[in-house]
Amino acid sequence: MAAVPRAAFLRPNQRALAQEDRPLDIGEGQTTSQPSLIAWTLEQLDLKPGSRVLEVGTGCGYQTALLARLASEVFSIDIIENLVVGAAENLGQLGITNVHLRADDGYLGWPEAAPFDAIVVAAGAPSLPPPLVEQLAPGGRLIIPVGERDDMSLLLVNKLPTGEVLRQKSLSVRFVPLTGPHTEAHNAKSRPSLIPG
């Protein structure tokens, strides 16, 4: 964490707050998570030097840069193109070259680059997107905030070498929602109908 300056990823009016352990506005109605939560998440992923990681929710690129220091290759996707462009600039200024970026619906993951040793999702969903589970390598770990906005927990997913998937809820959190056409269709199916019958 000390090797990646958070201020380098923030908008000028937010840089004075870089040392504060709280979420900060990055524009486009999005935030970057508090550093202590990012550190906890990275620890749970148990990354190795040869790990290949998928990040859903690039944001400003701060967590992306941390992942890039711990893994050999990072594939990061965000639905908001302006954020992807900004993250590319931020990462480029720090000379980080082992990251691939894409503007797209993160619900679908990055199938042509799968499987991944770890997947981290920086946006909340009512339930776990099946494409992400499919793209997780046997022995891999996935972390995603699940639940409704005011009742959300981090879900830790382990895919055993046998392919069996273990799920464990952890910290209570608040995240911006995962968005995009496939996400919205999935969310509509995940929520119980309010119409009788």
N, C-alpha and C. Protein backbone atom coordinates (compact mmCIF):
# COMPACT_ATOMS: atom_id res chain seq x y z
N MET A 1 0.84 -1.20 0.00
CA MET A 1 0.00 0.00 0.00
C MET A 1 0.87 1.25 0.00
N ALA A 2 1.97 1.20 0.73
CA ALA A 2 2.85 2.37 0.82
C ALA A 2 3.53 2.67 -0.52
N ALA A 3 3.65 1.65 -1.36
CA ALA A 3 4.37 1.84 -2.64
C ALA A 3 3.50 2.45 -3.73
N VAL A 4 2.18 2.52 -3.52
CA VAL A 4 1.28 3.09 -4.53
C VAL A 4 0.62 4.33 -3.97
N PRO A 5 0.95 5.51 -4.46
CA PRO A 5 0.38 6.75 -3.92
C PRO A 5 -1.09 6.93 -4.32
N ARG A 6 -1.97 6.85 -3.34
CA ARG A 6 -3.41 7.00 -3.62
C ARG A 6 -3.71 8.34 -4.27
N ALA A 7 -2.99 9.38 -3.87
CA ALA A 7 -3.25 10.72 -4.40
C ALA A 7 -3.10 10.78 -5.91
N ALA A 8 -2.24 9.94 -6.48
CA ALA A 8 -2.01 9.94 -7.93
C ALA A 8 -3.24 9.48 -8.70
N PHE A 9 -4.20 8.88 -8.02
CA PHE A 9 -5.40 8.36 -8.68
C PHE A 9 -6.64 9.20 -8.41
N LEU A 10 -6.47 10.26 -7.63
CA LEU A 10 -7.61 11.08 -7.24
C LEU A 10 -7.70 12.36 -8.06
N ARG A 11 -8.90 12.91 -8.11
CA ARG A 11 -9.08 14.20 -8.77
C ARG A 11 -8.40 15.27 -7.92
N PRO A 12 -7.96 16.37 -8.54
CA PRO A 12 -7.21 17.40 -7.79
C PRO A 12 -7.90 17.86 -6.50
N ASN A 13 -9.23 17.99 -6.53
CA ASN A 13 -9.94 18.48 -5.34
C ASN A 13 -10.07 17.44 -4.24
N GLN A 14 -9.61 16.21 -4.50
CA GLN A 14 -9.69 15.14 -3.51
C GLN A 14 -8.31 14.73 -2.98
N ARG A 15 -7.25 15.20 -3.60
CA ARG A 15 -5.91 14.70 -3.27
C ARG A 15 -5.48 14.98 -1.84
N ALA A 16 -5.95 16.09 -1.27
CA ALA A 16 -5.58 16.41 0.11
C ALA A 16 -6.17 15.40 1.09
N LEU A 17 -7.16 14.62 0.64
CA LEU A 17 -7.82 13.63 1.50
C LEU A 17 -7.26 12.23 1.32
N ALA A 18 -6.22 12.10 0.51
CA ALA A 18 -5.71 10.77 0.12
C ALA A 18 -5.31 9.91 1.31
N GLN A 19 -4.84 10.51 2.39
CA GLN A 19 -4.39 9.73 3.55
C GLN A 19 -5.52 9.32 4.47
N GLU A 20 -6.72 9.82 4.21
CA GLU A 20 -7.85 9.48 5.07
C GLU A 20 -8.40 8.10 4.71
N ASP A 21 -8.73 7.31 5.72
CA ASP A 21 -9.22 5.96 5.49
C ASP A 21 -10.74 5.98 5.30
N ARG A 22 -11.13 6.49 4.14
CA ARG A 22 -12.56 6.53 3.81
C ARG A 22 -12.74 6.54 2.30
N PRO A 23 -13.93 6.18 1.81
CA PRO A 23 -14.18 6.24 0.38
C PRO A 23 -14.10 7.69 -0.11
N LEU A 24 -13.67 7.88 -1.34
CA LEU A 24 -13.57 9.23 -1.90
C LEU A 24 -14.20 9.26 -3.29
N ASP A 25 -14.76 10.41 -3.61
CA ASP A 25 -15.42 10.62 -4.90
C ASP A 25 -14.40 10.62 -6.04
N ILE A 26 -14.70 9.87 -7.10
CA ILE A 26 -13.81 9.86 -8.28
C ILE A 26 -14.53 10.35 -9.53
N GLY A 27 -15.72 10.93 -9.35
CA GLY A 27 -16.49 11.41 -10.49
C GLY A 27 -17.41 10.34 -11.05
N GLU A 28 -18.29 10.74 -11.96
CA GLU A 28 -19.23 9.82 -12.62
C GLU A 28 -20.15 9.12 -11.62
N GLY A 29 -20.34 9.75 -10.43
CA GLY A 29 -21.19 9.14 -9.41
C GLY A 29 -20.57 7.93 -8.73
N GLN A 30 -19.24 7.78 -8.83
CA GLN A 30 -18.54 6.62 -8.29
C GLN A 30 -17.57 7.03 -7.19
N THR A 31 -17.14 6.04 -6.41
CA THR A 31 -16.15 6.29 -5.35
C THR A 31 -15.04 5.24 -5.42
N THR A 32 -13.92 5.58 -4.80
CA THR A 32 -12.87 4.59 -4.58
C THR A 32 -12.96 4.18 -3.11
N SER A 33 -12.83 2.91 -2.85
CA SER A 33 -13.02 2.38 -1.49
C SER A 33 -11.94 2.87 -0.52
N GLN A 34 -12.24 2.75 0.76
CA GLN A 34 -11.26 3.13 1.78
C GLN A 34 -10.08 2.16 1.73
N PRO A 35 -8.87 2.66 1.93
CA PRO A 35 -7.68 1.81 1.82
C PRO A 35 -7.69 0.58 2.72
N SER A 36 -8.23 0.70 3.93
CA SER A 36 -8.22 -0.46 4.83
C SER A 36 -9.07 -1.61 4.27
N LEU A 37 -10.17 -1.27 3.60
CA LEU A 37 -11.02 -2.30 3.01
C LEU A 37 -10.33 -2.93 1.80
N ILE A 38 -9.66 -2.10 1.00
CA ILE A 38 -8.91 -2.63 -0.14
C ILE A 38 -7.82 -3.57 0.35
N ALA A 39 -7.10 -3.18 1.39
CA ALA A 39 -6.02 -4.01 1.93
C ALA A 39 -6.57 -5.35 2.42
N TRP A 40 -7.70 -5.33 3.12
CA TRP A 40 -8.32 -6.56 3.60
C TRP A 40 -8.71 -7.46 2.43
N THR A 41 -9.29 -6.86 1.40
CA THR A 41 -9.70 -7.62 0.21
C THR A 41 -8.51 -8.27 -0.46
N LEU A 42 -7.43 -7.52 -0.65
CA LEU A 42 -6.24 -8.07 -1.29
C LEU A 42 -5.67 -9.23 -0.48
N GLU A 43 -5.72 -9.10 0.83
CA GLU A 43 -5.22 -10.17 1.69
C GLU A 43 -6.05 -11.45 1.51
N GLN A 44 -7.37 -11.29 1.39
CA GLN A 44 -8.24 -12.45 1.23
C GLN A 44 -8.01 -13.18 -0.10
N LEU A 45 -7.59 -12.43 -1.12
CA LEU A 45 -7.37 -13.04 -2.43
C LEU A 45 -6.15 -13.97 -2.44
N ASP A 46 -5.22 -13.74 -1.50
CA ASP A 46 -4.04 -14.60 -1.37
C ASP A 46 -3.30 -14.74 -2.70
N LEU A 47 -2.97 -13.61 -3.31
CA LEU A 47 -2.34 -13.60 -4.63
C LEU A 47 -0.89 -14.07 -4.57
N LYS A 48 -0.49 -14.75 -5.63
CA LYS A 48 0.89 -15.19 -5.79
C LYS A 48 1.51 -14.42 -6.96
N PRO A 49 2.85 -14.38 -7.05
CA PRO A 49 3.50 -13.62 -8.13
C PRO A 49 3.03 -14.00 -9.54
N GLY A 50 2.63 -15.23 -9.75
CA GLY A 50 2.18 -15.65 -11.09
C GLY A 50 0.68 -15.54 -11.31
N SER A 51 -0.05 -14.99 -10.35
CA SER A 51 -1.52 -14.94 -10.45
C SER A 51 -2.01 -14.06 -11.58
N ARG A 52 -3.11 -14.50 -12.17
CA ARG A 52 -3.83 -13.70 -13.17
C ARG A 52 -5.15 -13.30 -12.52
N VAL A 53 -5.46 -12.00 -12.53
CA VAL A 53 -6.59 -11.46 -11.78
C VAL A 53 -7.56 -10.72 -12.69
N LEU A 54 -8.85 -10.91 -12.42
CA LEU A 54 -9.89 -10.10 -13.05
C LEU A 54 -10.44 -9.14 -12.00
N GLU A 55 -10.46 -7.86 -12.35
CA GLU A 55 -11.07 -6.84 -11.49
C GLU A 55 -12.29 -6.28 -12.21
N VAL A 56 -13.44 -6.31 -11.56
CA VAL A 56 -14.65 -5.71 -12.11
C VAL A 56 -14.90 -4.43 -11.34
N GLY A 57 -14.80 -3.30 -12.03
CA GLY A 57 -14.94 -1.99 -11.39
C GLY A 57 -13.58 -1.33 -11.27
N THR A 58 -13.04 -0.91 -12.39
CA THR A 58 -11.71 -0.29 -12.43
C THR A 58 -11.67 1.00 -11.63
N GLY A 59 -12.73 1.80 -11.75
CA GLY A 59 -12.76 3.10 -11.09
C GLY A 59 -11.60 3.96 -11.53
N CYS A 60 -10.90 4.54 -10.56
CA CYS A 60 -9.77 5.43 -10.86
C CYS A 60 -8.48 4.66 -11.12
N GLY A 61 -8.49 3.34 -10.85
CA GLY A 61 -7.30 2.53 -11.09
C GLY A 61 -6.42 2.30 -9.87
N TYR A 62 -6.81 2.81 -8.71
CA TYR A 62 -5.97 2.66 -7.51
C TYR A 62 -5.85 1.20 -7.09
N GLN A 63 -7.00 0.52 -6.93
CA GLN A 63 -6.94 -0.90 -6.56
C GLN A 63 -6.27 -1.70 -7.67
N THR A 64 -6.50 -1.30 -8.92
CA THR A 64 -5.87 -1.96 -10.07
C THR A 64 -4.35 -1.94 -9.94
N ALA A 65 -3.82 -0.79 -9.55
CA ALA A 65 -2.37 -0.64 -9.38
C ALA A 65 -1.85 -1.53 -8.27
N LEU A 66 -2.60 -1.65 -7.19
CA LEU A 66 -2.19 -2.53 -6.09
C LEU A 66 -2.20 -3.99 -6.54
N LEU A 67 -3.24 -4.37 -7.28
CA LEU A 67 -3.30 -5.73 -7.81
C LEU A 67 -2.12 -6.00 -8.73
N ALA A 68 -1.74 -5.01 -9.53
CA ALA A 68 -0.65 -5.17 -10.49
C ALA A 68 0.69 -5.41 -9.80
N ARG A 69 0.84 -4.93 -8.57
CA ARG A 69 2.08 -5.17 -7.81
C ARG A 69 2.12 -6.58 -7.23
N LEU A 70 0.96 -7.20 -7.06
CA LEU A 70 0.88 -8.50 -6.41
C LEU A 70 0.71 -9.67 -7.39
N ALA A 71 0.26 -9.37 -8.60
CA ALA A 71 -0.04 -10.42 -9.58
C ALA A 71 0.77 -10.19 -10.85
N SER A 72 0.83 -11.23 -11.69
CA SER A 72 1.60 -11.08 -12.92
C SER A 72 0.81 -10.36 -13.99
N GLU A 73 -0.54 -10.50 -13.97
CA GLU A 73 -1.36 -9.89 -15.01
C GLU A 73 -2.73 -9.56 -14.43
N VAL A 74 -3.21 -8.35 -14.74
CA VAL A 74 -4.51 -7.90 -14.25
C VAL A 74 -5.37 -7.50 -15.45
N PHE A 75 -6.59 -8.02 -15.48
CA PHE A 75 -7.59 -7.65 -16.48
C PHE A 75 -8.67 -6.88 -15.72
N SER A 76 -8.84 -5.60 -16.08
CA SER A 76 -9.78 -4.77 -15.32
C SER A 76 -10.83 -4.18 -16.25
N ILE A 77 -12.08 -4.24 -15.81
CA ILE A 77 -13.20 -3.84 -16.65
C ILE A 77 -14.11 -2.89 -15.87
N ASP A 78 -14.62 -1.88 -16.57
CA ASP A 78 -15.56 -0.94 -15.95
C ASP A 78 -16.58 -0.54 -17.01
N ILE A 79 -17.82 -0.36 -16.60
CA ILE A 79 -18.90 0.01 -17.52
C ILE A 79 -18.78 1.47 -17.98
N ILE A 80 -18.05 2.29 -17.19
CA ILE A 80 -17.96 3.73 -17.48
C ILE A 80 -16.66 4.02 -18.23
N GLU A 81 -16.79 4.34 -19.51
CA GLU A 81 -15.62 4.51 -20.36
C GLU A 81 -14.70 5.63 -19.89
N ASN A 82 -15.28 6.75 -19.40
CA ASN A 82 -14.45 7.86 -18.93
C ASN A 82 -13.55 7.43 -17.78
N LEU A 83 -14.05 6.56 -16.91
CA LEU A 83 -13.22 6.07 -15.81
C LEU A 83 -12.09 5.19 -16.33
N VAL A 84 -12.37 4.37 -17.32
CA VAL A 84 -11.33 3.50 -17.90
C VAL A 84 -10.23 4.34 -18.53
N VAL A 85 -10.63 5.39 -19.25
CA VAL A 85 -9.64 6.29 -19.88
C VAL A 85 -8.78 6.95 -18.80
N GLY A 86 -9.43 7.45 -17.74
CA GLY A 86 -8.68 8.09 -16.65
C GLY A 86 -7.76 7.12 -15.93
N ALA A 87 -8.24 5.90 -15.70
CA ALA A 87 -7.42 4.89 -15.03
C ALA A 87 -6.20 4.54 -15.88
N ALA A 88 -6.39 4.46 -17.19
CA ALA A 88 -5.27 4.17 -18.09
C ALA A 88 -4.19 5.24 -17.98
N GLU A 89 -4.63 6.49 -17.90
CA GLU A 89 -3.67 7.60 -17.74
C GLU A 89 -2.94 7.51 -16.40
N ASN A 90 -3.70 7.25 -15.34
CA ASN A 90 -3.10 7.15 -14.01
C ASN A 90 -2.08 6.02 -13.94
N LEU A 91 -2.44 4.86 -14.46
CA LEU A 91 -1.55 3.71 -14.44
C LEU A 91 -0.32 3.95 -15.31
N GLY A 92 -0.54 4.59 -16.45
CA GLY A 92 0.58 4.89 -17.36
C GLY A 92 1.59 5.84 -16.73
N GLN A 93 1.10 6.82 -15.97
CA GLN A 93 2.01 7.77 -15.33
C GLN A 93 2.89 7.10 -14.28
N LEU A 94 2.44 5.99 -13.73
CA LEU A 94 3.25 5.26 -12.75
C LEU A 94 4.05 4.13 -13.39
N GLY A 95 3.96 4.02 -14.72
CA GLY A 95 4.74 3.00 -15.43
C GLY A 95 4.25 1.58 -15.22
N ILE A 96 2.97 1.42 -14.91
CA ILE A 96 2.40 0.08 -14.69
C ILE A 96 1.98 -0.49 -16.04
N THR A 97 2.55 -1.62 -16.41
CA THR A 97 2.34 -2.16 -17.77
C THR A 97 1.70 -3.55 -17.80
N ASN A 98 1.44 -4.17 -16.66
CA ASN A 98 0.87 -5.52 -16.66
C ASN A 98 -0.64 -5.52 -16.43
N VAL A 99 -1.31 -4.45 -16.91
CA VAL A 99 -2.76 -4.31 -16.75
C VAL A 99 -3.41 -4.16 -18.12
N HIS A 100 -4.51 -4.87 -18.32
CA HIS A 100 -5.32 -4.75 -19.53
C HIS A 100 -6.65 -4.13 -19.10
N LEU A 101 -7.10 -3.11 -19.83
CA LEU A 101 -8.33 -2.40 -19.46
C LEU A 101 -9.38 -2.54 -20.54
N ARG A 102 -10.64 -2.54 -20.11
CA ARG A 102 -11.75 -2.62 -21.06
C ARG A 102 -12.96 -1.88 -20.49
N ALA A 103 -13.69 -1.17 -21.35
CA ALA A 103 -14.97 -0.56 -20.97
C ALA A 103 -16.07 -1.50 -21.45
N ASP A 104 -16.78 -2.13 -20.51
CA ASP A 104 -17.81 -3.10 -20.87
C ASP A 104 -18.61 -3.47 -19.62
N ASP A 105 -19.60 -4.34 -19.80
CA ASP A 105 -20.44 -4.80 -18.70
C ASP A 105 -19.68 -5.86 -17.89
N GLY A 106 -19.32 -5.51 -16.67
CA GLY A 106 -18.52 -6.41 -15.84
C GLY A 106 -19.22 -7.70 -15.46
N TYR A 107 -20.54 -7.74 -15.55
CA TYR A 107 -21.28 -8.96 -15.24
C TYR A 107 -20.78 -10.13 -16.08
N LEU A 108 -20.36 -9.83 -17.32
CA LEU A 108 -19.92 -10.87 -18.24
C LEU A 108 -18.46 -11.27 -18.03
N GLY A 109 -17.74 -10.50 -17.20
CA GLY A 109 -16.33 -10.78 -16.99
C GLY A 109 -15.52 -10.55 -18.26
N TRP A 110 -14.48 -11.36 -18.43
CA TRP A 110 -13.58 -11.24 -19.59
C TRP A 110 -13.31 -12.67 -20.07
N PRO A 111 -14.30 -13.31 -20.71
CA PRO A 111 -14.23 -14.75 -20.98
C PRO A 111 -13.03 -15.19 -21.80
N GLU A 112 -12.60 -14.39 -22.77
CA GLU A 112 -11.49 -14.82 -23.62
C GLU A 112 -10.15 -14.84 -22.89
N ALA A 113 -10.08 -14.17 -21.73
CA ALA A 113 -8.84 -14.17 -20.95
C ALA A 113 -8.90 -15.15 -19.78
N ALA A 114 -10.05 -15.76 -19.55
CA ALA A 114 -10.24 -16.70 -18.44
C ALA A 114 -9.46 -17.99 -18.71
N PRO A 115 -9.17 -18.77 -17.65
CA PRO A 115 -9.61 -18.60 -16.27
C PRO A 115 -8.68 -17.69 -15.47
N PHE A 116 -9.23 -17.18 -14.37
CA PHE A 116 -8.49 -16.28 -13.49
C PHE A 116 -8.25 -16.95 -12.13
N ASP A 117 -7.08 -16.67 -11.57
CA ASP A 117 -6.76 -17.20 -10.24
C ASP A 117 -7.51 -16.46 -9.15
N ALA A 118 -7.90 -15.22 -9.45
CA ALA A 118 -8.65 -14.42 -8.49
C ALA A 118 -9.53 -13.44 -9.25
N ILE A 119 -10.69 -13.16 -8.68
CA ILE A 119 -11.61 -12.16 -9.23
C ILE A 119 -12.06 -11.28 -8.07
N VAL A 120 -11.99 -9.96 -8.27
CA VAL A 120 -12.47 -9.03 -7.26
C VAL A 120 -13.45 -8.07 -7.93
N VAL A 121 -14.61 -7.91 -7.30
CA VAL A 121 -15.66 -7.05 -7.84
C VAL A 121 -15.83 -5.87 -6.90
N ALA A 122 -15.71 -4.67 -7.44
CA ALA A 122 -15.77 -3.45 -6.64
C ALA A 122 -17.10 -2.72 -6.82
N ALA A 123 -18.17 -3.51 -6.98
CA ALA A 123 -19.53 -2.96 -7.09
C ALA A 123 -20.48 -4.04 -6.61
N GLY A 124 -21.59 -3.62 -6.03
CA GLY A 124 -22.50 -4.57 -5.41
C GLY A 124 -23.54 -5.13 -6.37
N ALA A 125 -23.93 -6.38 -6.13
CA ALA A 125 -24.98 -7.05 -6.91
C ALA A 125 -25.89 -7.81 -5.96
N PRO A 126 -27.17 -7.98 -6.34
CA PRO A 126 -28.07 -8.74 -5.47
C PRO A 126 -27.63 -10.17 -5.24
N SER A 127 -26.94 -10.76 -6.24
CA SER A 127 -26.45 -12.13 -6.10
C SER A 127 -25.21 -12.30 -6.97
N LEU A 128 -24.58 -13.44 -6.86
CA LEU A 128 -23.33 -13.73 -7.54
C LEU A 128 -23.55 -13.98 -9.04
N PRO A 129 -22.92 -13.20 -9.93
CA PRO A 129 -23.08 -13.42 -11.37
C PRO A 129 -22.45 -14.75 -11.82
N PRO A 130 -23.23 -15.66 -12.41
CA PRO A 130 -22.69 -16.96 -12.84
C PRO A 130 -21.48 -16.86 -13.78
N PRO A 131 -21.42 -15.89 -14.73
CA PRO A 131 -20.25 -15.86 -15.61
C PRO A 131 -18.93 -15.68 -14.86
N LEU A 132 -18.96 -14.97 -13.74
CA LEU A 132 -17.73 -14.77 -12.97
C LEU A 132 -17.29 -16.06 -12.29
N VAL A 133 -18.25 -16.82 -11.79
CA VAL A 133 -17.91 -18.11 -11.17
C VAL A 133 -17.31 -19.04 -12.22
N GLU A 134 -17.88 -19.02 -13.42
CA GLU A 134 -17.38 -19.88 -14.50
C GLU A 134 -15.94 -19.51 -14.87
N GLN A 135 -15.59 -18.23 -14.78
CA GLN A 135 -14.27 -17.78 -15.19
C GLN A 135 -13.21 -17.90 -14.09
N LEU A 136 -13.62 -18.33 -12.91
CA LEU A 136 -12.69 -18.53 -11.81
C LEU A 136 -12.02 -19.90 -11.95
N ALA A 137 -10.70 -19.91 -11.91
CA ALA A 137 -9.95 -21.16 -12.04
C ALA A 137 -10.15 -22.05 -10.82
N PRO A 138 -10.09 -23.38 -10.98
CA PRO A 138 -10.10 -24.26 -9.81
C PRO A 138 -8.97 -23.86 -8.85
N GLY A 139 -9.30 -23.75 -7.58
CA GLY A 139 -8.34 -23.28 -6.59
C GLY A 139 -8.35 -21.76 -6.43
N GLY A 140 -9.17 -21.08 -7.25
CA GLY A 140 -9.21 -19.61 -7.23
C GLY A 140 -10.16 -19.05 -6.19
N ARG A 141 -10.03 -17.73 -5.98
CA ARG A 141 -10.88 -17.02 -5.01
C ARG A 141 -11.54 -15.83 -5.67
N LEU A 142 -12.76 -15.55 -5.26
CA LEU A 142 -13.54 -14.42 -5.78
C LEU A 142 -14.13 -13.67 -4.60
N ILE A 143 -14.12 -12.34 -4.68
CA ILE A 143 -14.74 -11.50 -3.64
C ILE A 143 -15.68 -10.52 -4.32
N ILE A 144 -16.92 -10.45 -3.83
CA ILE A 144 -17.92 -9.55 -4.40
C ILE A 144 -18.87 -9.08 -3.31
N PRO A 145 -19.27 -7.80 -3.31
CA PRO A 145 -20.32 -7.35 -2.39
C PRO A 145 -21.68 -7.83 -2.92
N VAL A 146 -22.47 -8.50 -2.10
CA VAL A 146 -23.79 -8.97 -2.52
C VAL A 146 -24.85 -8.48 -1.53
N GLY A 147 -26.06 -8.30 -2.07
CA GLY A 147 -27.18 -7.84 -1.26
C GLY A 147 -27.73 -6.54 -1.81
N GLU A 148 -28.68 -5.99 -1.11
CA GLU A 148 -29.23 -4.68 -1.48
C GLU A 148 -28.34 -3.59 -0.90
N ARG A 149 -28.47 -2.39 -1.42
CA ARG A 149 -27.53 -1.31 -1.07
C ARG A 149 -27.38 -1.10 0.43
N ASP A 150 -28.46 -1.18 1.19
CA ASP A 150 -28.39 -0.94 2.63
C ASP A 150 -28.22 -2.23 3.44
N ASP A 151 -28.08 -3.37 2.78
CA ASP A 151 -27.90 -4.65 3.47
C ASP A 151 -26.97 -5.51 2.62
N MET A 152 -25.71 -5.10 2.58
CA MET A 152 -24.74 -5.73 1.69
C MET A 152 -23.58 -6.31 2.50
N SER A 153 -23.10 -7.48 2.06
CA SER A 153 -21.95 -8.11 2.69
C SER A 153 -20.97 -8.55 1.62
N LEU A 154 -19.70 -8.62 2.00
CA LEU A 154 -18.72 -9.19 1.08
C LEU A 154 -18.87 -10.70 1.08
N LEU A 155 -18.98 -11.27 -0.10
CA LEU A 155 -19.08 -12.71 -0.26
C LEU A 155 -17.73 -13.23 -0.73
N LEU A 156 -17.18 -14.18 0.02
CA LEU A 156 -15.92 -14.82 -0.34
C LEU A 156 -16.25 -16.16 -0.99
N VAL A 157 -15.78 -16.34 -2.21
CA VAL A 157 -16.06 -17.56 -2.96
C VAL A 157 -14.76 -18.30 -3.22
N ASN A 158 -14.72 -19.55 -2.86
CA ASN A 158 -13.57 -20.42 -3.15
C ASN A 158 -14.02 -21.50 -4.11
N LYS A 159 -13.29 -21.65 -5.22
CA LYS A 159 -13.57 -22.77 -6.12
C LYS A 159 -12.52 -23.84 -5.86
N LEU A 160 -12.96 -24.98 -5.37
CA LEU A 160 -12.04 -26.06 -5.03
C LEU A 160 -11.46 -26.68 -6.31
N PRO A 161 -10.34 -27.38 -6.19
CA PRO A 161 -9.77 -28.06 -7.36
C PRO A 161 -10.76 -29.01 -8.03
N THR A 162 -11.74 -29.49 -7.29
CA THR A 162 -12.77 -30.38 -7.85
C THR A 162 -13.82 -29.62 -8.65
N GLY A 163 -13.81 -28.27 -8.54
CA GLY A 163 -14.83 -27.46 -9.19
C GLY A 163 -15.96 -27.06 -8.26
N GLU A 164 -16.03 -27.68 -7.08
CA GLU A 164 -17.05 -27.32 -6.09
C GLU A 164 -16.83 -25.88 -5.64
N VAL A 165 -17.93 -25.14 -5.43
CA VAL A 165 -17.85 -23.74 -5.05
C VAL A 165 -18.32 -23.56 -3.61
N LEU A 166 -17.47 -22.98 -2.77
CA LEU A 166 -17.80 -22.68 -1.38
C LEU A 166 -18.02 -21.18 -1.24
N ARG A 167 -19.04 -20.78 -0.50
CA ARG A 167 -19.37 -19.37 -0.32
C ARG A 167 -19.42 -19.04 1.16
N GLN A 168 -18.89 -17.87 1.50
CA GLN A 168 -18.91 -17.43 2.90
C GLN A 168 -19.10 -15.93 2.95
N LYS A 169 -20.14 -15.48 3.67
CA LYS A 169 -20.36 -14.05 3.82
C LYS A 169 -19.43 -13.51 4.89
N SER A 170 -18.98 -12.26 4.69
CA SER A 170 -18.03 -11.66 5.61
C SER A 170 -18.51 -10.26 6.01
N LEU A 171 -17.64 -9.27 5.86
CA LEU A 171 -17.90 -7.92 6.34
C LEU A 171 -19.16 -7.29 5.75
N SER A 172 -19.86 -6.51 6.57
CA SER A 172 -20.96 -5.67 6.07
C SER A 172 -20.34 -4.45 5.41
N VAL A 173 -20.81 -4.12 4.21
CA VAL A 173 -20.21 -3.03 3.42
C VAL A 173 -21.29 -2.25 2.68
N ARG A 174 -20.86 -1.13 2.07
CA ARG A 174 -21.71 -0.38 1.14
C ARG A 174 -20.87 -0.11 -0.10
N PHE A 175 -21.40 -0.47 -1.26
CA PHE A 175 -20.73 -0.25 -2.53
C PHE A 175 -21.71 0.35 -3.52
N VAL A 176 -21.19 1.05 -4.52
CA VAL A 176 -22.02 1.46 -5.64
C VAL A 176 -22.50 0.20 -6.35
N PRO A 177 -23.65 0.26 -7.03
CA PRO A 177 -24.16 -0.97 -7.67
C PRO A 177 -23.44 -1.31 -8.97
N LEU A 178 -23.34 -2.60 -9.23
CA LEU A 178 -22.89 -3.10 -10.53
C LEU A 178 -23.98 -2.75 -11.54
N THR A 179 -23.59 -2.16 -12.67
CA THR A 179 -24.58 -1.74 -13.66
C THR A 179 -24.22 -2.29 -15.03
N GLY A 180 -25.17 -2.17 -15.96
CA GLY A 180 -24.99 -2.65 -17.32
C GLY A 180 -26.18 -3.51 -17.71
N PRO A 181 -26.40 -3.72 -19.02
CA PRO A 181 -27.59 -4.44 -19.47
C PRO A 181 -27.70 -5.87 -18.95
N HIS A 182 -26.61 -6.60 -18.92
CA HIS A 182 -26.68 -7.98 -18.43
C HIS A 182 -26.86 -8.01 -16.92
N THR A 183 -26.22 -7.06 -16.23
CA THR A 183 -26.38 -6.94 -14.78
C THR A 183 -27.83 -6.66 -14.43
N GLU A 184 -28.44 -5.73 -15.14
CA GLU A 184 -29.82 -5.34 -14.83
C GLU A 184 -30.79 -6.49 -15.09
N ALA A 185 -30.56 -7.24 -16.17
CA ALA A 185 -31.42 -8.40 -16.45
C ALA A 185 -31.27 -9.45 -15.35
N HIS A 186 -30.05 -9.69 -14.91
CA HIS A 186 -29.80 -10.65 -13.83
C HIS A 186 -30.45 -10.18 -12.53
N ASN A 187 -30.32 -8.88 -12.23
CA ASN A 187 -30.88 -8.35 -11.00
C ASN A 187 -32.40 -8.49 -10.97
N ALA A 188 -33.03 -8.27 -12.12
CA ALA A 188 -34.49 -8.38 -12.20
C ALA A 188 -34.92 -9.82 -11.91
N LYS A 189 -34.15 -10.81 -12.37
CA LYS A 189 -34.48 -12.21 -12.12
C LYS A 189 -34.19 -12.61 -10.67
N SER A 190 -33.19 -11.92 -10.05
CA SER A 190 -32.77 -12.29 -8.69
C SER A 190 -33.73 -11.78 -7.63
N ARG A 191 -34.45 -10.69 -7.94
CA ARG A 191 -35.34 -10.11 -6.93
C ARG A 191 -36.70 -10.79 -6.99
N PRO A 192 -37.32 -11.01 -5.84
CA PRO A 192 -38.67 -11.63 -5.86
C PRO A 192 -39.67 -10.68 -6.50
N SER A 193 -40.63 -11.25 -7.20
CA SER A 193 -41.65 -10.44 -7.84
C SER A 193 -42.56 -9.83 -6.78
N LEU A 194 -42.97 -8.58 -7.03
CA LEU A 194 -43.89 -7.92 -6.13
C LEU A 194 -45.34 -8.13 -6.57
N ILE A 195 -45.50 -8.79 -7.72
CA ILE A 195 -46.85 -9.02 -8.27
C ILE A 195 -47.28 -10.43 -7.90
N PRO A 196 -48.42 -10.58 -7.22
CA PRO A 196 -48.88 -11.93 -6.84
C PRO A 196 -49.07 -12.81 -8.07
N GLY A 197 -48.82 -14.11 -7.88
CA GLY A 197 -49.08 -15.07 -8.95
C GLY A 197 -47.86 -15.27 -9.78
